[in-house]
Amino acid sequence: MERDGGAAGFDRAARIGQHGGPRLPFLPAMPWFLYVIECAGGRLYTGISTDVARRYAQHAAGKGARYTRLNPPERLLLTVEYVDRSSALKAEYAFKQLPATEKRAFCARHGVA
């Protein structure tokens, strides 16, 4: 397959497939979510997922992150939708850089009831 540069190359690959096969239907991007959980002792856990309910259930069952196995989740404080994984990861990083008081204030203003 001849290499095309830039967006034109991506478009061509999407139309004909990587190996010249038939065009696959375009699937819309799945949204990603930033979520904040309040854990035992008032600690906060921040993560991203495409399915927050499933991920929260994993954390609650002790099958999620090590942090939530040691600090069991008590309630979901915040969910924010993003168009793609990259945007959600950037938001997660920015949120984790905030001091705890600012994180809690943001959750109080924008979070789940």
Protein backbone atom coordinates (compact mmCIF):
# COMPACT_ATOMS: atom_id res chain seq x y z
CA MET A 1 0.00 0.00 0.00
CA GLU A 2 1.34 3.39 -0.91
CA ARG A 3 1.81 5.76 2.00
CA ASP A 4 -0.17 8.98 1.90
CA GLY A 5 0.78 11.84 4.19
CA GLY A 6 -1.32 13.63 6.78
CA ALA A 7 -5.07 13.41 7.12
CA ALA A 8 -5.47 12.24 3.53
CA GLY A 9 -3.58 9.06 4.41
CA PHE A 10 -5.80 8.44 7.41
CA ASP A 11 -8.91 9.04 5.31
CA ARG A 12 -7.72 6.63 2.61
CA ALA A 13 -6.94 3.94 5.20
CA ALA A 14 -10.38 4.39 6.76
CA ARG A 15 -12.08 4.07 3.36
CA ILE A 16 -10.34 0.97 2.09
CA GLY A 17 -8.96 -0.65 5.21
CA GLN A 18 -5.28 -1.24 5.99
CA HIS A 19 -4.80 -3.93 3.34
CA GLY A 20 -7.01 -2.68 0.53
CA GLY A 21 -10.07 -4.56 1.76
CA PRO A 22 -13.63 -3.28 1.72
CA ARG A 23 -14.52 -0.10 3.52
CA LEU A 24 -15.66 -0.65 7.07
CA PRO A 25 -18.56 1.38 8.43
CA PHE A 26 -17.47 4.35 10.51
CA LEU A 27 -18.30 3.92 14.17
CA PRO A 28 -18.81 7.09 16.18
CA ALA A 29 -16.28 7.66 18.95
CA MET A 30 -17.37 6.42 22.36
CA PRO A 31 -17.40 9.16 25.01
CA TRP A 32 -15.00 8.92 27.93
CA PHE A 33 -15.74 10.09 31.45
CA LEU A 34 -13.66 11.56 34.24
CA TYR A 35 -15.02 10.35 37.57
CA VAL A 36 -14.25 11.13 41.20
CA ILE A 37 -15.11 8.73 44.01
CA GLU A 38 -15.11 9.54 47.70
CA CYS A 39 -13.50 6.62 49.52
CA ALA A 40 -13.31 5.54 53.15
CA GLY A 41 -11.85 8.21 55.38
CA GLY A 42 -12.94 10.98 53.00
CA ARG A 43 -10.15 10.28 50.51
CA LEU A 44 -10.71 11.00 46.81
CA TYR A 45 -9.99 8.67 43.90
CA THR A 46 -9.99 10.01 40.33
CA GLY A 47 -10.10 7.92 37.16
CA ILE A 48 -11.43 7.72 33.60
CA SER A 49 -13.70 5.16 31.95
CA THR A 50 -16.16 4.67 29.12
CA ASP A 51 -18.67 3.14 31.58
CA VAL A 52 -18.62 4.75 35.01
CA ALA A 53 -21.32 2.50 36.52
CA ARG A 54 -19.37 -0.64 35.54
CA ARG A 55 -16.10 0.82 36.79
CA TYR A 56 -17.63 1.94 40.10
CA ALA A 57 -19.03 -1.59 40.59
CA GLN A 58 -15.53 -2.99 39.98
CA HIS A 59 -14.07 -0.64 42.58
CA ALA A 60 -16.84 -1.51 45.07
CA ALA A 61 -16.26 -5.26 44.52
CA GLY A 62 -12.54 -4.88 45.20
CA LYS A 63 -11.68 -5.60 41.55
CA GLY A 64 -10.67 -2.05 40.60
CA ALA A 65 -7.50 -0.16 41.42
CA ARG A 66 -5.29 -1.11 44.36
CA TYR A 67 -6.12 2.24 45.95
CA THR A 68 -9.84 1.45 46.12
CA ARG A 69 -9.16 -2.04 47.45
CA LEU A 70 -7.37 -0.41 50.40
CA ASN A 71 -9.80 2.53 50.63
CA PRO A 72 -13.26 1.20 49.70
CA PRO A 73 -15.48 3.59 47.71
CA GLU A 74 -18.38 5.23 49.51
CA ARG A 75 -20.01 7.38 46.82
CA LEU A 76 -19.56 8.84 43.38
CA LEU A 77 -18.92 12.59 43.59
CA LEU A 78 -18.42 13.66 39.98
CA THR A 79 -18.69 12.52 36.39
CA VAL A 80 -17.72 14.69 33.42
CA GLU A 81 -18.08 13.54 29.80
CA TYR A 82 -15.31 14.04 27.21
CA VAL A 83 -15.31 13.34 23.48
CA ASP A 84 -12.28 11.03 23.53
CA ARG A 85 -9.77 9.27 25.74
CA SER A 86 -7.08 11.87 25.18
CA SER A 87 -9.29 14.70 26.45
CA ALA A 88 -10.32 12.65 29.48
CA LEU A 89 -6.69 11.81 30.32
CA LYS A 90 -5.70 15.49 30.11
CA ALA A 91 -8.61 16.46 32.36
CA GLU A 92 -7.70 13.70 34.82
CA TYR A 93 -4.11 14.94 35.00
CA ALA A 94 -5.21 18.55 35.50
CA PHE A 95 -7.71 17.54 38.19
CA LYS A 96 -5.09 15.51 40.06
CA GLN A 97 -2.81 18.56 40.17
CA LEU A 98 -5.38 20.56 42.18
CA PRO A 99 -5.11 20.81 45.96
CA ALA A 100 -7.67 18.67 47.83
CA THR A 101 -9.74 21.71 48.85
CA GLU A 102 -10.11 22.80 45.21
CA LYS A 103 -11.01 19.27 44.13
CA ARG A 104 -13.78 19.15 46.74
CA ALA A 105 -15.05 22.61 45.80
CA PHE A 106 -15.17 21.62 42.12
CA CYS A 107 -17.07 18.43 42.96
CA ALA A 108 -19.52 20.42 45.11
CA ARG A 109 -20.20 22.84 42.23
CA HIS A 110 -20.36 20.32 39.37
CA GLY A 111 -20.80 16.89 40.88
CA VAL A 112 -23.49 14.28 41.23
CA ALA A 113 -26.24 15.28 43.65
